[in-house]
Amino acid sequence: MRVVLDTNVLLSALAFPGSKPDRILLRVRHGEIELFLSDFILAELERILRDKFRFTTRQTDDRVTAIRRMATLVVPKERIALVTATDDDNRILECAVAAHADSLMTSDKEHLLPLRSIGATRIVTPAAFLERG
């Protein structure tokens, strides 16, 4: 199964050991699911860890490198403009499309979850993903 994790899910996985997002990353580590990310998602993760969480450069680099090693990087070719409130959400959607992802996991109840899908990619919460198995 091919998945994309939104930045907020990655942050939750790093911040809350044992959480649903962390359990998803554990499944990635065990090879049960394939994680796909873009440079945009990794850069956003790095920026938030550094600026909002005040991680040191080393702490940030260690976490981003660990996530990068688990993932296959995709380079989106298609520009998407479905979400008008913030262009960042469109970059997440572009990653899911480029990855031909089965699921895009997010906690974004305002912009992404209401879409429910983009193409063949389901947009779900980590809890909904885990419930489906």
Protein backbone atom coordinates (compact mmCIF):
# COMPACT_ATOMS: atom_id res chain seq x y z
CA MET A 1 0.00 0.00 0.00
CA ARG A 2 1.32 3.42 -1.01
CA VAL A 3 0.76 6.31 1.40
CA VAL A 4 1.59 9.98 1.78
CA LEU A 5 1.70 11.51 5.25
CA ASP A 6 0.89 15.18 5.63
CA THR A 7 3.37 17.20 7.66
CA ASN A 8 0.99 17.34 10.63
CA VAL A 9 0.89 13.53 10.76
CA LEU A 10 4.68 13.31 10.63
CA LEU A 11 4.95 15.85 13.44
CA SER A 12 2.47 13.91 15.57
CA ALA A 13 4.39 10.69 14.96
CA LEU A 14 7.61 12.34 16.14
CA ALA A 15 6.04 14.13 19.11
CA PHE A 16 3.83 11.35 20.47
CA PRO A 17 5.39 7.89 20.68
CA GLY A 18 2.72 5.20 20.53
CA SER A 19 0.21 7.52 18.84
CA LYS A 20 -1.71 6.49 15.73
CA PRO A 21 0.65 8.45 13.47
CA ASP A 22 3.60 6.77 15.21
CA ARG A 23 1.99 3.36 14.67
CA ILE A 24 1.73 4.17 10.96
CA LEU A 25 5.45 5.04 10.82
CA LEU A 26 6.17 1.76 12.58
CA ARG A 27 4.32 -0.05 9.78
CA VAL A 28 6.44 1.88 7.28
CA ARG A 29 9.62 0.80 9.10
CA HIS A 30 8.46 -2.83 9.00
CA GLY A 31 7.81 -2.63 5.27
CA GLU A 32 4.06 -3.15 5.59
CA ILE A 33 3.29 0.09 3.77
CA GLU A 34 5.29 2.32 1.43
CA LEU A 35 5.76 5.96 2.37
CA PHE A 36 6.07 8.60 -0.34
CA LEU A 37 7.05 12.20 0.33
CA SER A 38 8.14 15.25 -1.63
CA ASP A 39 10.88 17.77 -0.99
CA PHE A 40 8.12 20.23 -0.07
CA ILE A 41 6.84 18.02 2.77
CA LEU A 42 10.35 17.41 4.10
CA ALA A 43 11.20 21.12 3.94
CA GLU A 44 7.98 22.00 5.75
CA LEU A 45 8.74 19.38 8.40
CA GLU A 46 12.22 20.80 8.86
CA ARG A 47 10.94 24.38 9.09
CA ILE A 48 8.28 23.55 11.69
CA LEU A 49 10.65 21.48 13.84
CA ARG A 50 13.17 24.32 13.82
CA ASP A 51 10.87 27.36 14.06
CA LYS A 52 7.86 26.18 16.07
CA PHE A 53 9.31 23.37 18.14
CA ARG A 54 12.69 25.14 18.54
CA PHE A 55 14.68 22.00 17.79
CA THR A 56 18.39 22.46 17.35
CA THR A 57 19.86 22.04 13.88
CA ARG A 58 21.15 18.59 14.86
CA GLN A 59 17.81 17.47 16.34
CA THR A 60 16.00 18.69 13.24
CA ASP A 61 18.48 17.08 10.84
CA ASP A 62 18.36 13.76 12.70
CA ARG A 63 14.57 13.55 12.54
CA VAL A 64 14.22 14.72 8.95
CA THR A 65 16.97 12.34 7.83
CA ALA A 66 15.26 9.42 9.59
CA ILE A 67 11.95 10.21 7.88
CA ARG A 68 13.66 10.71 4.50
CA ARG A 69 15.32 7.27 4.77
CA MET A 70 11.93 5.62 5.25
CA ALA A 71 10.37 7.30 2.24
CA THR A 72 10.52 7.30 -1.51
CA LEU A 73 10.80 10.87 -2.78
CA VAL A 74 8.57 11.92 -5.65
CA VAL A 75 8.79 15.02 -7.79
CA PRO A 76 5.28 16.23 -8.59
CA LYS A 77 4.83 17.16 -12.23
CA GLU A 78 1.22 18.29 -12.05
CA ARG A 79 0.22 21.59 -10.41
CA ILE A 80 -2.97 21.38 -8.36
CA ALA A 81 -5.09 24.31 -7.21
CA LEU A 82 -8.00 22.66 -5.38
CA VAL A 83 -7.46 24.39 -2.05
CA THR A 84 -7.71 28.15 -2.31
CA ALA A 85 -7.04 29.03 1.34
CA THR A 86 -3.44 27.87 1.39
CA ASP A 87 -1.20 26.76 -1.43
CA ASP A 88 0.73 24.47 0.94
CA ASP A 89 -2.18 22.03 0.95
CA ASN A 90 -2.04 21.88 -2.84
CA ARG A 91 1.61 20.82 -2.62
CA ILE A 92 0.56 17.91 -0.37
CA LEU A 93 -2.09 16.88 -2.90
CA GLU A 94 0.48 17.07 -5.70
CA CYS A 95 2.69 14.64 -3.79
CA ALA A 96 -0.19 12.17 -3.38
CA VAL A 97 -1.01 12.33 -7.10
CA ALA A 98 2.64 11.95 -8.14
CA ALA A 99 3.04 8.97 -5.80
CA HIS A 100 -0.13 7.26 -7.06
CA ALA A 101 -0.88 6.92 -3.36
CA ASP A 102 -3.68 4.74 -2.09
CA SER A 103 -4.09 7.03 0.91
CA LEU A 104 -3.13 10.52 1.98
CA MET A 105 -3.20 10.81 5.75
CA THR A 106 -3.85 14.18 7.30
CA SER A 107 -5.39 15.82 10.34
CA ASP A 108 -6.42 18.88 8.30
CA LYS A 109 -10.18 18.97 8.93
CA GLU A 110 -10.59 22.37 7.32
CA HIS A 111 -9.04 21.94 3.88
CA LEU A 112 -7.93 18.41 3.01
CA LEU A 113 -10.25 15.94 4.77
CA PRO A 114 -13.41 17.52 3.28
CA LEU A 115 -12.09 16.64 -0.20
CA ARG A 116 -12.32 12.92 0.74
CA SER A 117 -10.23 11.93 -2.27
CA ILE A 118 -8.15 13.17 -5.15
CA GLY A 119 -8.23 10.82 -8.08
CA ALA A 120 -7.83 7.29 -6.73
CA THR A 121 -6.23 8.54 -3.48
CA ARG A 122 -8.39 8.46 -0.36
CA ILE A 123 -7.83 11.35 2.05
CA VAL A 124 -8.22 10.04 5.59
CA THR A 125 -7.19 10.58 9.17
CA PRO A 126 -4.56 8.27 10.65
CA ALA A 127 -7.31 6.71 12.83
CA ALA A 128 -9.50 5.97 9.81
CA PHE A 129 -6.53 4.45 7.99
CA LEU A 130 -5.72 2.16 10.89
CA GLU A 131 -9.36 1.13 11.28
CA ARG A 132 -9.45 -0.07 7.67
CA GLY A 133 -6.30 -2.09 8.22
